[in-house]
Amino acid sequence: MKYKIIFSVLLFVSCKVDETDLQNGGWKIYEKSATDFGDIISFNQMKVRNDTIFLENEPIYQILAYKKRYFMDDFITIKSIKTQNSATFIKK
């Protein structure tokens, strides 16, 4: 039981998206399900709370997945709250 708790805590901490990771660098489209998303996205004016991205205190995207691979590219998959369409971006 003790190991399950430790594993859960480590998993929770490792999955957290750091706002500065999103804001430091440009994000280019990798894969998208609709035309809701442009070719490039900037998170500089956006705030991250839990798994939601806010612009001017309005929730606009939900983070579905974030893969931070050291010495390799980072990927983020987001879903538009308004349209429910999703896209994956790669950090450049």
N, C-alpha and C. Protein backbone atom coordinates (compact mmCIF):
# COMPACT_ATOMS: atom_id res chain seq x y z
N MET A 1 0.83 -1.19 0.00
CA MET A 1 0.00 0.00 0.00
C MET A 1 0.87 1.26 0.00
N LYS A 2 1.93 1.21 0.80
CA LYS A 2 2.82 2.37 0.88
C LYS A 2 3.44 2.68 -0.49
N TYR A 3 3.78 1.64 -1.25
CA TYR A 3 4.38 1.83 -2.56
C TYR A 3 3.40 2.42 -3.56
N LYS A 4 2.14 2.06 -3.44
CA LYS A 4 1.12 2.61 -4.33
C LYS A 4 0.96 4.11 -4.10
N ILE A 5 1.01 4.53 -2.86
CA ILE A 5 0.88 5.95 -2.54
C ILE A 5 2.08 6.71 -3.08
N ILE A 6 3.28 6.19 -2.88
CA ILE A 6 4.49 6.85 -3.38
C ILE A 6 4.46 6.93 -4.90
N PHE A 7 4.07 5.85 -5.56
CA PHE A 7 3.99 5.84 -7.02
C PHE A 7 2.96 6.86 -7.51
N SER A 8 1.82 6.95 -6.86
CA SER A 8 0.78 7.90 -7.24
C SER A 8 1.26 9.34 -7.11
N VAL A 9 1.97 9.63 -6.04
CA VAL A 9 2.50 10.98 -5.84
C VAL A 9 3.53 11.31 -6.91
N LEU A 10 4.43 10.39 -7.21
CA LEU A 10 5.44 10.63 -8.24
C LEU A 10 4.81 10.79 -9.61
N LEU A 11 3.80 10.01 -9.90
CA LEU A 11 3.11 10.12 -11.17
C LEU A 11 2.42 11.47 -11.28
N PHE A 12 1.78 11.93 -10.23
CA PHE A 12 1.10 13.22 -10.24
C PHE A 12 2.09 14.35 -10.45
N VAL A 13 3.20 14.31 -9.76
CA VAL A 13 4.20 15.37 -9.87
C VAL A 13 4.83 15.37 -11.26
N SER A 14 5.10 14.21 -11.82
CA SER A 14 5.76 14.14 -13.12
C SER A 14 4.84 14.56 -14.26
N CYS A 15 3.54 14.48 -14.09
CA CYS A 15 2.60 14.83 -15.15
C CYS A 15 2.22 16.30 -15.15
N LYS A 16 2.66 17.03 -14.18
CA LYS A 16 2.28 18.43 -14.07
C LYS A 16 2.92 19.24 -15.20
N VAL A 17 2.13 20.09 -15.82
CA VAL A 17 2.61 20.96 -16.88
C VAL A 17 3.06 22.27 -16.25
N ASP A 18 4.31 22.62 -16.50
CA ASP A 18 4.85 23.87 -15.98
C ASP A 18 4.57 24.98 -16.99
N GLU A 19 3.98 26.05 -16.52
CA GLU A 19 3.61 27.17 -17.38
C GLU A 19 4.83 27.73 -18.13
N THR A 20 5.97 27.79 -17.46
CA THR A 20 7.17 28.33 -18.11
C THR A 20 7.65 27.42 -19.24
N ASP A 21 7.43 26.11 -19.12
CA ASP A 21 7.79 25.21 -20.22
C ASP A 21 6.98 25.52 -21.47
N LEU A 22 5.73 25.88 -21.29
CA LEU A 22 4.88 26.21 -22.43
C LEU A 22 5.26 27.57 -23.03
N GLN A 23 5.60 28.51 -22.17
CA GLN A 23 5.86 29.87 -22.62
C GLN A 23 7.26 30.07 -23.20
N ASN A 24 8.20 29.23 -22.84
CA ASN A 24 9.56 29.35 -23.36
C ASN A 24 9.69 28.58 -24.67
N GLY A 25 9.49 29.26 -25.76
CA GLY A 25 9.63 28.63 -27.07
C GLY A 25 8.35 28.66 -27.87
N GLY A 26 8.50 28.40 -29.15
CA GLY A 26 7.34 28.35 -30.04
C GLY A 26 6.84 26.93 -30.19
N TRP A 27 5.59 26.79 -30.50
CA TRP A 27 4.96 25.48 -30.67
C TRP A 27 4.39 25.41 -32.07
N LYS A 28 4.80 24.40 -32.82
CA LYS A 28 4.38 24.21 -34.20
C LYS A 28 3.43 23.01 -34.28
N ILE A 29 2.46 23.11 -35.19
CA ILE A 29 1.47 22.03 -35.32
C ILE A 29 2.16 20.74 -35.73
N TYR A 30 1.73 19.66 -35.12
CA TYR A 30 2.25 18.34 -35.45
C TYR A 30 1.14 17.48 -36.07
N GLU A 31 -0.04 17.58 -35.46
CA GLU A 31 -1.19 16.82 -35.95
C GLU A 31 -2.45 17.50 -35.43
N LYS A 32 -3.47 17.63 -36.30
CA LYS A 32 -4.72 18.25 -35.85
C LYS A 32 -5.91 17.55 -36.44
N SER A 33 -7.04 17.65 -35.74
CA SER A 33 -8.25 16.98 -36.18
C SER A 33 -9.21 17.91 -36.92
N ALA A 34 -8.92 19.22 -36.90
CA ALA A 34 -9.80 20.19 -37.56
C ALA A 34 -9.01 21.46 -37.85
N THR A 35 -9.66 22.40 -38.48
CA THR A 35 -8.99 23.65 -38.84
C THR A 35 -9.11 24.70 -37.73
N ASP A 36 -9.53 24.31 -36.54
CA ASP A 36 -9.66 25.25 -35.43
C ASP A 36 -8.31 25.83 -35.01
N PHE A 37 -7.26 25.08 -35.25
CA PHE A 37 -5.93 25.46 -34.78
C PHE A 37 -5.07 25.94 -35.94
N GLY A 38 -4.27 26.95 -35.67
CA GLY A 38 -3.34 27.44 -36.68
C GLY A 38 -2.08 26.58 -36.72
N ASP A 39 -1.13 26.97 -37.54
CA ASP A 39 0.11 26.22 -37.68
C ASP A 39 1.06 26.43 -36.51
N ILE A 40 0.93 27.56 -35.84
CA ILE A 40 1.80 27.90 -34.70
C ILE A 40 0.93 28.42 -33.58
N ILE A 41 1.31 28.09 -32.35
CA ILE A 41 0.58 28.61 -31.18
C ILE A 41 1.60 29.16 -30.18
N SER A 42 1.23 30.24 -29.54
CA SER A 42 2.05 30.83 -28.49
C SER A 42 1.25 30.85 -27.20
N PHE A 43 1.86 30.37 -26.14
CA PHE A 43 1.20 30.33 -24.84
C PHE A 43 1.61 31.50 -23.95
N ASN A 44 2.28 32.51 -24.52
CA ASN A 44 2.84 33.59 -23.71
C ASN A 44 1.80 34.38 -22.93
N GLN A 45 0.62 34.59 -23.46
CA GLN A 45 -0.41 35.36 -22.77
C GLN A 45 -1.38 34.47 -22.00
N MET A 46 -1.10 33.18 -21.96
CA MET A 46 -2.02 32.23 -21.35
C MET A 46 -1.52 31.76 -19.99
N LYS A 47 -2.44 31.34 -19.15
CA LYS A 47 -2.14 30.83 -17.82
C LYS A 47 -2.59 29.37 -17.75
N VAL A 48 -1.84 28.58 -16.99
CA VAL A 48 -2.16 27.16 -16.83
C VAL A 48 -2.60 26.92 -15.40
N ARG A 49 -3.75 26.28 -15.25
CA ARG A 49 -4.23 25.84 -13.94
C ARG A 49 -4.71 24.40 -14.07
N ASN A 50 -4.05 23.52 -13.35
CA ASN A 50 -4.32 22.08 -13.44
C ASN A 50 -4.15 21.61 -14.87
N ASP A 51 -5.21 21.15 -15.52
CA ASP A 51 -5.10 20.68 -16.91
C ASP A 51 -5.82 21.61 -17.88
N THR A 52 -6.01 22.87 -17.50
CA THR A 52 -6.75 23.82 -18.31
C THR A 52 -5.88 25.03 -18.61
N ILE A 53 -5.96 25.53 -19.85
CA ILE A 53 -5.24 26.72 -20.27
C ILE A 53 -6.25 27.85 -20.39
N PHE A 54 -5.93 28.97 -19.76
CA PHE A 54 -6.83 30.12 -19.71
C PHE A 54 -6.23 31.29 -20.50
N LEU A 55 -7.09 32.05 -21.17
CA LEU A 55 -6.72 33.30 -21.81
C LEU A 55 -7.68 34.35 -21.29
N GLU A 56 -7.13 35.36 -20.62
CA GLU A 56 -7.92 36.42 -19.99
C GLU A 56 -8.98 35.84 -19.06
N ASN A 57 -8.58 34.89 -18.22
CA ASN A 57 -9.42 34.23 -17.21
C ASN A 57 -10.57 33.42 -17.80
N GLU A 58 -10.54 33.13 -19.09
CA GLU A 58 -11.53 32.28 -19.73
C GLU A 58 -10.86 30.97 -20.13
N PRO A 59 -11.43 29.83 -19.76
CA PRO A 59 -10.83 28.56 -20.17
C PRO A 59 -11.02 28.35 -21.67
N ILE A 60 -9.91 28.07 -22.36
CA ILE A 60 -10.01 27.88 -23.81
C ILE A 60 -9.53 26.50 -24.27
N TYR A 61 -8.56 25.91 -23.57
CA TYR A 61 -8.04 24.60 -23.94
C TYR A 61 -7.93 23.70 -22.73
N GLN A 62 -8.11 22.42 -22.97
CA GLN A 62 -7.83 21.40 -21.96
C GLN A 62 -6.61 20.62 -22.44
N ILE A 63 -5.67 20.39 -21.52
CA ILE A 63 -4.47 19.64 -21.86
C ILE A 63 -4.80 18.15 -21.77
N LEU A 64 -4.67 17.46 -22.88
CA LEU A 64 -4.93 16.02 -22.91
C LEU A 64 -3.66 15.22 -22.63
N ALA A 65 -2.53 15.71 -23.13
CA ALA A 65 -1.25 15.01 -22.93
C ALA A 65 -0.11 16.00 -23.05
N TYR A 66 0.91 15.77 -22.26
CA TYR A 66 2.13 16.58 -22.33
C TYR A 66 3.31 15.64 -22.18
N LYS A 67 4.15 15.61 -23.19
CA LYS A 67 5.32 14.73 -23.17
C LYS A 67 6.57 15.57 -23.21
N LYS A 68 7.26 15.60 -22.09
CA LYS A 68 8.52 16.32 -22.01
C LYS A 68 9.62 15.27 -22.00
N ARG A 69 10.34 15.20 -23.11
CA ARG A 69 11.40 14.22 -23.24
C ARG A 69 12.72 14.97 -23.26
N TYR A 70 13.56 14.70 -22.29
CA TYR A 70 14.83 15.38 -22.19
C TYR A 70 15.71 15.06 -23.38
N PHE A 71 16.37 16.08 -23.90
CA PHE A 71 17.25 16.00 -25.06
C PHE A 71 16.50 15.65 -26.35
N MET A 72 15.18 15.78 -26.32
CA MET A 72 14.36 15.54 -27.51
C MET A 72 13.25 16.58 -27.53
N ASP A 73 12.37 16.49 -28.51
CA ASP A 73 11.27 17.45 -28.64
C ASP A 73 10.20 17.20 -27.60
N ASP A 74 9.53 18.29 -27.21
CA ASP A 74 8.38 18.21 -26.30
C ASP A 74 7.10 18.26 -27.14
N PHE A 75 6.08 17.53 -26.70
CA PHE A 75 4.80 17.51 -27.38
C PHE A 75 3.69 17.87 -26.39
N ILE A 76 2.68 18.58 -26.89
CA ILE A 76 1.49 18.84 -26.08
C ILE A 76 0.27 18.61 -26.96
N THR A 77 -0.71 17.91 -26.41
CA THR A 77 -1.98 17.70 -27.09
C THR A 77 -3.04 18.46 -26.31
N ILE A 78 -3.72 19.35 -26.99
CA ILE A 78 -4.75 20.17 -26.35
C ILE A 78 -6.08 19.99 -27.08
N LYS A 79 -7.15 20.24 -26.34
CA LYS A 79 -8.51 20.16 -26.90
C LYS A 79 -9.19 21.50 -26.68
N SER A 80 -9.80 22.02 -27.72
CA SER A 80 -10.56 23.26 -27.60
C SER A 80 -11.82 22.99 -26.78
N ILE A 81 -12.03 23.77 -25.76
CA ILE A 81 -13.22 23.59 -24.92
C ILE A 81 -14.48 23.97 -25.70
N LYS A 82 -14.35 24.94 -26.59
CA LYS A 82 -15.49 25.42 -27.35
C LYS A 82 -15.94 24.42 -28.42
N THR A 83 -15.00 23.83 -29.16
CA THR A 83 -15.37 22.96 -30.29
C THR A 83 -15.12 21.48 -30.03
N GLN A 84 -14.38 21.14 -28.99
CA GLN A 84 -14.01 19.77 -28.65
C GLN A 84 -13.04 19.14 -29.65
N ASN A 85 -12.47 19.92 -30.57
CA ASN A 85 -11.45 19.42 -31.50
C ASN A 85 -10.09 19.47 -30.81
N SER A 86 -9.19 18.59 -31.24
CA SER A 86 -7.88 18.53 -30.59
C SER A 86 -6.76 18.67 -31.61
N ALA A 87 -5.58 19.00 -31.08
CA ALA A 87 -4.38 19.14 -31.90
C ALA A 87 -3.16 18.84 -31.04
N THR A 88 -2.12 18.35 -31.71
CA THR A 88 -0.85 18.09 -31.04
C THR A 88 0.17 19.06 -31.61
N PHE A 89 0.92 19.69 -30.71
CA PHE A 89 1.96 20.64 -31.09
C PHE A 89 3.31 20.13 -30.61
N ILE A 90 4.36 20.51 -31.36
CA ILE A 90 5.72 20.15 -31.01
C ILE A 90 6.49 21.44 -30.72
N LYS A 91 7.28 21.41 -29.66
CA LYS A 91 8.03 22.61 -29.26
C LYS A 91 9.24 22.78 -30.15
N LYS A 92 9.40 23.96 -30.66
CA LYS A 92 10.55 24.27 -31.51
C LYS A 92 11.36 25.39 -30.95
